[in-house]
Amino acid sequence: MAQRSPTEIRSSIEANRHELAVSVARLRGEVERISDWRGQLERHRSELTMGAAAVGVLLATSMLRRRRRRRRG
């Protein structure tokens, strides 16, 4: 294994430090984007609307079935 000079070692450490800073900044941005619940709601509005409609249909169907059972019994 070749020996590196102190200057090369310092340079390598600085390069690693810079790469780490860039990675941390990217990670911070990603965490902020993911944890932004208002942004998530905005991005997935149509899915939420469809899900809410499906829940409404299921609840209405369930209520109608209960009424029919009560009338029969």
PDB file of N, CA and C in Angstrom:
ATOM      1  N   MET A   1       0.846  -1.169   0.000  1.00  0.00           N
ATOM      2  CA  MET A   1       0.000   0.000   0.000  1.00  0.00           C
ATOM      3  C   MET A   1       0.894   1.237   0.000  1.00  0.00           C
ATOM      4  N   ALA A   2       0.627   2.145  -0.911  1.00  0.00           N
ATOM      5  CA  ALA A   2       1.456   3.345  -1.040  1.00  0.00           C
ATOM      6  C   ALA A   2       1.151   4.318   0.088  1.00  0.00           C
ATOM      7  N   GLN A   3       2.192   4.938   0.575  1.00  0.00           N
ATOM      8  CA  GLN A   3       2.040   5.943   1.628  1.00  0.00           C
ATOM      9  C   GLN A   3       1.571   7.262   1.003  1.00  0.00           C
ATOM     10  N   ARG A   4       0.636   7.919   1.681  1.00  0.00           N
ATOM     11  CA  ARG A   4       0.168   9.222   1.209  1.00  0.00           C
ATOM     12  C   ARG A   4       0.839  10.324   2.030  1.00  0.00           C
ATOM     13  N   SER A   5       1.012  11.415   1.400  1.00  0.00           N
ATOM     14  CA  SER A   5       1.619  12.551   2.098  1.00  0.00           C
ATOM     15  C   SER A   5       0.555  13.220   2.972  1.00  0.00           C
ATOM     16  N   PRO A   6       0.963  13.982   3.975  1.00  0.00           N
ATOM     17  CA  PRO A   6      -0.001  14.702   4.817  1.00  0.00           C
ATOM     18  C   PRO A   6      -0.919  15.611   3.999  1.00  0.00           C
ATOM     19  N   THR A   7      -0.413  16.192   2.952  1.00  0.00           N
ATOM     20  CA  THR A   7      -1.228  17.057   2.094  1.00  0.00           C
ATOM     21  C   THR A   7      -2.314  16.250   1.388  1.00  0.00           C
ATOM     22  N   GLU A   8      -1.967  15.078   0.905  1.00  0.00           N
ATOM     23  CA  GLU A   8      -2.966  14.213   0.255  1.00  0.00           C
ATOM     24  C   GLU A   8      -4.019  13.755   1.247  1.00  0.00           C
ATOM     25  N   ILE A   9      -3.592  13.437   2.451  1.00  0.00           N
ATOM     26  CA  ILE A   9      -4.542  12.999   3.488  1.00  0.00           C
ATOM     27  C   ILE A   9      -5.497  14.137   3.827  1.00  0.00           C
ATOM     28  N   ARG A  10      -4.963  15.345   4.021  1.00  0.00           N
ATOM     29  CA  ARG A  10      -5.820  16.504   4.319  1.00  0.00           C
ATOM     30  C   ARG A  10      -6.809  16.761   3.182  1.00  0.00           C
ATOM     31  N   SER A  11      -6.304  16.660   1.971  1.00  0.00           N
ATOM     32  CA  SER A  11      -7.156  16.875   0.800  1.00  0.00           C
ATOM     33  C   SER A  11      -8.281  15.837   0.754  1.00  0.00           C
ATOM     34  N   SER A  12      -7.946  14.601   1.044  1.00  0.00           N
ATOM     35  CA  SER A  12      -8.946  13.536   1.057  1.00  0.00           C
ATOM     36  C   SER A  12      -9.980  13.771   2.146  1.00  0.00           C
ATOM     37  N   ILE A  13      -9.517  14.194   3.317  1.00  0.00           N
ATOM     38  CA  ILE A  13     -10.436  14.478   4.429  1.00  0.00           C
ATOM     39  C   ILE A  13     -11.386  15.610   4.050  1.00  0.00           C
ATOM     40  N   GLU A  14     -10.867  16.662   3.434  1.00  0.00           N
ATOM     41  CA  GLU A  14     -11.703  17.788   3.013  1.00  0.00           C
ATOM     42  C   GLU A  14     -12.725  17.364   1.963  1.00  0.00           C
ATOM     43  N   ALA A  15     -12.298  16.528   1.029  1.00  0.00           N
ATOM     44  CA  ALA A  15     -13.229  16.047   0.001  1.00  0.00           C
ATOM     45  C   ALA A  15     -14.340  15.218   0.641  1.00  0.00           C
ATOM     46  N   ASN A  16     -13.978  14.351   1.583  1.00  0.00           N
ATOM     47  CA  ASN A  16     -14.982  13.547   2.289  1.00  0.00           C
ATOM     48  C   ASN A  16     -15.919  14.421   3.106  1.00  0.00           C
ATOM     49  N   ARG A  17     -15.357  15.440   3.746  1.00  0.00           N
ATOM     50  CA  ARG A  17     -16.162  16.366   4.539  1.00  0.00           C
ATOM     51  C   ARG A  17     -17.173  17.084   3.647  1.00  0.00           C
ATOM     52  N   HIS A  18     -16.724  17.509   2.464  1.00  0.00           N
ATOM     53  CA  HIS A  18     -17.616  18.183   1.523  1.00  0.00           C
ATOM     54  C   HIS A  18     -18.729  17.237   1.049  1.00  0.00           C
ATOM     55  N   GLU A  19     -18.378  16.029   0.688  1.00  0.00           N
ATOM     56  CA  GLU A  19     -19.380  15.046   0.246  1.00  0.00           C
ATOM     57  C   GLU A  19     -20.397  14.767   1.345  1.00  0.00           C
ATOM     58  N   LEU A  20     -19.926  14.682   2.584  1.00  0.00           N
ATOM     59  CA  LEU A  20     -20.829  14.447   3.709  1.00  0.00           C
ATOM     60  C   LEU A  20     -21.789  15.616   3.889  1.00  0.00           C
ATOM     61  N   ALA A  21     -21.281  16.840   3.771  1.00  0.00           N
ATOM     62  CA  ALA A  21     -22.138  18.021   3.902  1.00  0.00           C
ATOM     63  C   ALA A  21     -23.220  18.042   2.823  1.00  0.00           C
ATOM     64  N   VAL A  22     -22.850  17.692   1.598  1.00  0.00           N
ATOM     65  CA  VAL A  22     -23.822  17.643   0.504  1.00  0.00           C
ATOM     66  C   VAL A  22     -24.870  16.563   0.774  1.00  0.00           C
ATOM     67  N   SER A  23     -24.429  15.403   1.243  1.00  0.00           N
ATOM     68  CA  SER A  23     -25.359  14.306   1.536  1.00  0.00           C
ATOM     69  C   SER A  23     -26.323  14.679   2.658  1.00  0.00           C
ATOM     70  N   VAL A  24     -25.824  15.328   3.693  1.00  0.00           N
ATOM     71  CA  VAL A  24     -26.677  15.742   4.811  1.00  0.00           C
ATOM     72  C   VAL A  24     -27.696  16.779   4.341  1.00  0.00           C
ATOM     73  N   ALA A  25     -27.269  17.710   3.498  1.00  0.00           N
ATOM     74  CA  ALA A  25     -28.190  18.719   2.974  1.00  0.00           C
ATOM     75  C   ALA A  25     -29.287  18.071   2.135  1.00  0.00           C
ATOM     76  N   ARG A  26     -28.925  17.110   1.300  1.00  0.00           N
ATOM     77  CA  ARG A  26     -29.932  16.388   0.501  1.00  0.00           C
ATOM     78  C   ARG A  26     -30.905  15.632   1.396  1.00  0.00           C
ATOM     79  N   LEU A  27     -30.367  14.958   2.392  1.00  0.00           N
ATOM     80  CA  LEU A  27     -31.207  14.198   3.316  1.00  0.00           C
ATOM     81  C   LEU A  27     -32.158  15.119   4.067  1.00  0.00           C
ATOM     82  N   ARG A  28     -31.652  16.253   4.521  1.00  0.00           N
ATOM     83  CA  ARG A  28     -32.498  17.211   5.230  1.00  0.00           C
ATOM     84  C   ARG A  28     -33.649  17.679   4.336  1.00  0.00           C
ATOM     85  N   GLY A  29     -33.334  17.986   3.094  1.00  0.00           N
ATOM     86  CA  GLY A  29     -34.374  18.408   2.156  1.00  0.00           C
ATOM     87  C   GLY A  29     -35.403  17.318   1.918  1.00  0.00           C
ATOM     88  N   GLU A  30     -34.953  16.091   1.795  1.00  0.00           N
ATOM     89  CA  GLU A  30     -35.869  14.968   1.574  1.00  0.00           C
ATOM     90  C   GLU A  30     -36.764  14.747   2.788  1.00  0.00           C
ATOM     91  N   VAL A  31     -36.199  14.838   3.976  1.00  0.00           N
ATOM     92  CA  VAL A  31     -36.991  14.670   5.206  1.00  0.00           C
ATOM     93  C   VAL A  31     -38.038  15.776   5.306  1.00  0.00           C
ATOM     94  N   GLU A  32     -37.654  17.008   4.993  1.00  0.00           N
ATOM     95  CA  GLU A  32     -38.612  18.111   5.022  1.00  0.00           C
ATOM     96  C   GLU A  32     -39.737  17.893   4.016  1.00  0.00           C
ATOM     97  N   ARG A  33     -39.390  17.427   2.829  1.00  0.00           N
ATOM     98  CA  ARG A  33     -40.418  17.194   1.803  1.00  0.00           C
ATOM     99  C   ARG A  33     -41.379  16.097   2.219  1.00  0.00           C
ATOM    100  N   ILE A  34     -40.835  15.015   2.760  1.00  0.00           N
ATOM    101  CA  ILE A  34     -41.680  13.883   3.145  1.00  0.00           C
ATOM    102  C   ILE A  34     -42.549  14.212   4.353  1.00  0.00           C
ATOM    103  N   SER A  35     -42.004  14.957   5.299  1.00  0.00           N
ATOM    104  CA  SER A  35     -42.748  15.237   6.524  1.00  0.00           C
ATOM    105  C   SER A  35     -43.692  16.431   6.387  1.00  0.00           C
ATOM    106  N   ASP A  36     -43.744  17.052   5.226  1.00  0.00           N
ATOM    107  CA  ASP A  36     -44.657  18.171   4.987  1.00  0.00           C
ATOM    108  C   ASP A  36     -46.046  17.608   4.682  1.00  0.00           C
ATOM    109  N   TRP A  37     -46.885  17.481   5.719  1.00  0.00           N
ATOM    110  CA  TRP A  37     -48.179  16.835   5.536  1.00  0.00           C
ATOM    111  C   TRP A  37     -49.112  17.662   4.655  1.00  0.00           C
ATOM    112  N   ARG A  38     -48.978  18.971   4.698  1.00  0.00           N
ATOM    113  CA  ARG A  38     -49.823  19.796   3.828  1.00  0.00           C
ATOM    114  C   ARG A  38     -49.455  19.561   2.358  1.00  0.00           C
ATOM    115  N   GLY A  39     -48.175  19.469   2.099  1.00  0.00           N
ATOM    116  CA  GLY A  39     -47.725  19.179   0.740  1.00  0.00           C
ATOM    117  C   GLY A  39     -48.167  17.798   0.290  1.00  0.00           C
ATOM    118  N   GLN A  40     -48.108  16.837   1.198  1.00  0.00           N
ATOM    119  CA  GLN A  40     -48.559  15.477   0.876  1.00  0.00           C
ATOM    120  C   GLN A  40     -50.044  15.487   0.529  1.00  0.00           C
ATOM    121  N   LEU A  41     -50.844  16.232   1.311  1.00  0.00           N
ATOM    122  CA  LEU A  41     -52.275  16.319   1.010  1.00  0.00           C
ATOM    123  C   LEU A  41     -52.504  16.926  -0.366  1.00  0.00           C
ATOM    124  N   GLU A  42     -51.765  17.968  -0.667  1.00  0.00           N
ATOM    125  CA  GLU A  42     -51.913  18.627  -1.954  1.00  0.00           C
ATOM    126  C   GLU A  42     -51.515  17.707  -3.106  1.00  0.00           C
ATOM    127  N   ARG A  43     -50.415  16.981  -2.942  1.00  0.00           N
ATOM    128  CA  ARG A  43     -49.934  16.095  -4.010  1.00  0.00           C
ATOM    129  C   ARG A  43     -50.848  14.886  -4.223  1.00  0.00           C
ATOM    130  N   HIS A  44     -51.545  14.467  -3.183  1.00  0.00           N
ATOM    131  CA  HIS A  44     -52.364  13.251  -3.274  1.00  0.00           C
ATOM    132  C   HIS A  44     -53.856  13.544  -3.098  1.00  0.00           C
ATOM    133  N   ARG A  45     -54.257  14.731  -3.508  1.00  0.00           N
ATOM    134  CA  ARG A  45     -55.651  15.153  -3.338  1.00  0.00           C
ATOM    135  C   ARG A  45     -56.633  14.197  -4.031  1.00  0.00           C
ATOM    136  N   SER A  46     -56.339  13.796  -5.259  1.00  0.00           N
ATOM    137  CA  SER A  46     -57.284  12.946  -5.993  1.00  0.00           C
ATOM    138  C   SER A  46     -57.410  11.571  -5.331  1.00  0.00           C
ATOM    139  N   GLU A  47     -56.297  11.014  -4.843  1.00  0.00           N
ATOM    140  CA  GLU A  47     -56.366   9.721  -4.165  1.00  0.00           C
ATOM    141  C   GLU A  47     -57.188   9.817  -2.885  1.00  0.00           C
ATOM    142  N   LEU A  48     -56.994  10.909  -2.149  1.00  0.00           N
ATOM    143  CA  LEU A  48     -57.757  11.100  -0.913  1.00  0.00           C
ATOM    144  C   LEU A  48     -59.237  11.269  -1.200  1.00  0.00           C
ATOM    145  N   THR A  49     -59.546  12.001  -2.265  1.00  0.00           N
ATOM    146  CA  THR A  49     -60.943  12.198  -2.636  1.00  0.00           C
ATOM    147  C   THR A  49     -61.587  10.864  -3.011  1.00  0.00           C
ATOM    148  N   MET A  50     -60.877  10.063  -3.789  1.00  0.00           N
ATOM    149  CA  MET A  50     -61.417   8.758  -4.184  1.00  0.00           C
ATOM    150  C   MET A  50     -61.570   7.844  -2.973  1.00  0.00           C
ATOM    151  N   GLY A  51     -60.617   7.883  -2.073  1.00  0.00           N
ATOM    152  CA  GLY A  51     -60.705   7.068  -0.860  1.00  0.00           C
ATOM    153  C   GLY A  51     -61.878   7.489   0.009  1.00  0.00           C
ATOM    154  N   ALA A  52     -62.069   8.790   0.158  1.00  0.00           N
ATOM    155  CA  ALA A  52     -63.192   9.289   0.961  1.00  0.00           C
ATOM    156  C   ALA A  52     -64.521   8.893   0.317  1.00  0.00           C
ATOM    157  N   ALA A  53     -64.589   8.958  -0.997  1.00  0.00           N
ATOM    158  CA  ALA A  53     -65.820   8.556  -1.695  1.00  0.00           C
ATOM    159  C   ALA A  53     -66.082   7.067  -1.477  1.00  0.00           C
ATOM    160  N   ALA A  54     -65.044   6.266  -1.534  1.00  0.00           N
ATOM    161  CA  ALA A  54     -65.216   4.823  -1.324  1.00  0.00           C
ATOM    162  C   ALA A  54     -65.697   4.539   0.093  1.00  0.00           C
ATOM    163  N   VAL A  55     -65.141   5.227   1.062  1.00  0.00           N
ATOM    164  CA  VAL A  55     -65.577   5.047   2.454  1.00  0.00           C
ATOM    165  C   VAL A  55     -67.035   5.460   2.588  1.00  0.00           C
ATOM    166  N   GLY A  56     -67.418   6.556   1.943  1.00  0.00           N
ATOM    167  CA  GLY A  56     -68.813   7.002   1.980  1.00  0.00           C
ATOM    168  C   GLY A  56     -69.756   5.961   1.403  1.00  0.00           C
ATOM    169  N   VAL A  57     -69.375   5.367   0.284  1.00  0.00           N
ATOM    170  CA  VAL A  57     -70.211   4.331  -0.334  1.00  0.00           C
ATOM    171  C   VAL A  57     -70.327   3.125   0.592  1.00  0.00           C
ATOM    172  N   LEU A  58     -69.218   2.713   1.194  1.00  0.00           N
ATOM    173  CA  LEU A  58     -69.257   1.571   2.110  1.00  0.00           C
ATOM    174  C   LEU A  58     -70.134   1.846   3.325  1.00  0.00           C
ATOM    175  N   LEU A  59     -70.033   3.042   3.887  1.00  0.00           N
ATOM    176  CA  LEU A  59     -70.868   3.385   5.043  1.00  0.00           C
ATOM    177  C   LEU A  59     -72.347   3.435   4.659  1.00  0.00           C
ATOM    178  N   ALA A  60     -72.644   4.017   3.513  1.00  0.00           N
ATOM    179  CA  ALA A  60     -74.036   4.089   3.070  1.00  0.00           C
ATOM    180  C   ALA A  60     -74.605   2.691   2.832  1.00  0.00           C
ATOM    181  N   THR A  61     -73.829   1.820   2.201  1.00  0.00           N
ATOM    182  CA  THR A  61     -74.262   0.443   1.954  1.00  0.00           C
ATOM    183  C   THR A  61     -74.509  -0.283   3.268  1.00  0.00           C
ATOM    184  N   SER A  62     -73.630  -0.095   4.215  1.00  0.00           N
ATOM    185  CA  SER A  62     -73.777  -0.734   5.517  1.00  0.00           C
ATOM    186  C   SER A  62     -75.038  -0.252   6.226  1.00  0.00           C
ATOM    187  N   MET A  63     -75.280   1.039   6.163  1.00  0.00           N
ATOM    188  CA  MET A  63     -76.484   1.585   6.818  1.00  0.00           C
ATOM    189  C   MET A  63     -77.758   1.060   6.156  1.00  0.00           C
ATOM    190  N   LEU A  64     -77.770   0.963   4.838  1.00  0.00           N
ATOM    191  CA  LEU A  64     -78.949   0.455   4.134  1.00  0.00           C
ATOM    192  C   LEU A  64     -79.199  -1.010   4.486  1.00  0.00           C
ATOM    193  N   ARG A  65     -78.156  -1.792   4.600  1.00  0.00           N
ATOM    194  CA  ARG A  65     -78.312  -3.200   4.965  1.00  0.00           C
ATOM    195  C   ARG A  65     -78.888  -3.337   6.370  1.00  0.00           C
ATOM    196  N   ARG A  66     -78.442  -2.506   7.283  1.00  0.00           N
ATOM    197  CA  ARG A  66     -78.972  -2.556   8.650  1.00  0.00           C
ATOM    198  C   ARG A  66     -80.453  -2.217   8.671  1.00  0.00           C
ATOM    199  N   ARG A  67     -80.849  -1.197   7.893  1.00  0.00           N
ATOM    200  CA  ARG A  67     -82.276  -0.824   7.837  1.00  0.00           C
ATOM    201  C   ARG A  67     -83.120  -1.970   7.297  1.00  0.00           C
ATOM    202  N   ARG A  68     -82.632  -2.626   6.246  1.00  0.00           N
ATOM    203  CA  ARG A  68     -83.380  -3.733   5.655  1.00  0.00           C
ATOM    204  C   ARG A  68     -83.520  -4.890   6.650  1.00  0.00           C
ATOM    205  N   ARG A  69     -82.475  -5.158   7.391  1.00  0.00           N
ATOM    206  CA  ARG A  69     -82.535  -6.251   8.390  1.00  0.00           C
ATOM    207  C   ARG A  69     -83.533  -5.918   9.492  1.00  0.00           C
ATOM    208  N   ARG A  70     -83.570  -4.673   9.920  1.00  0.00           N
ATOM    209  CA  ARG A  70     -84.498  -4.275  10.981  1.00  0.00           C
ATOM    210  C   ARG A  70     -85.944  -4.375  10.514  1.00  0.00           C
ATOM    211  N   ARG A  71     -86.197  -4.004   9.265  1.00  0.00           N
ATOM    212  CA  ARG A  71     -87.559  -4.073   8.728  1.00  0.00           C
ATOM    213  C   ARG A  71     -88.036  -5.510   8.585  1.00  0.00           C
ATOM    214  N   ARG A  72     -87.128  -6.408   8.229  1.00  0.00           N
ATOM    215  CA  ARG A  72     -87.500  -7.811   8.042  1.00  0.00           C
ATOM    216  C   ARG A  72     -87.741  -8.486   9.381  1.00  0.00           C
ATOM    217  N   GLY A  73     -86.908  -8.136  10.348  1.00  0.00           N
ATOM    218  CA  GLY A  73     -86.918  -8.858  11.603  1.00  0.00           C
ATOM    219  C   GLY A  73     -87.825  -8.296  12.586  1.00  0.00           C
TER     220      GLY A  73
END
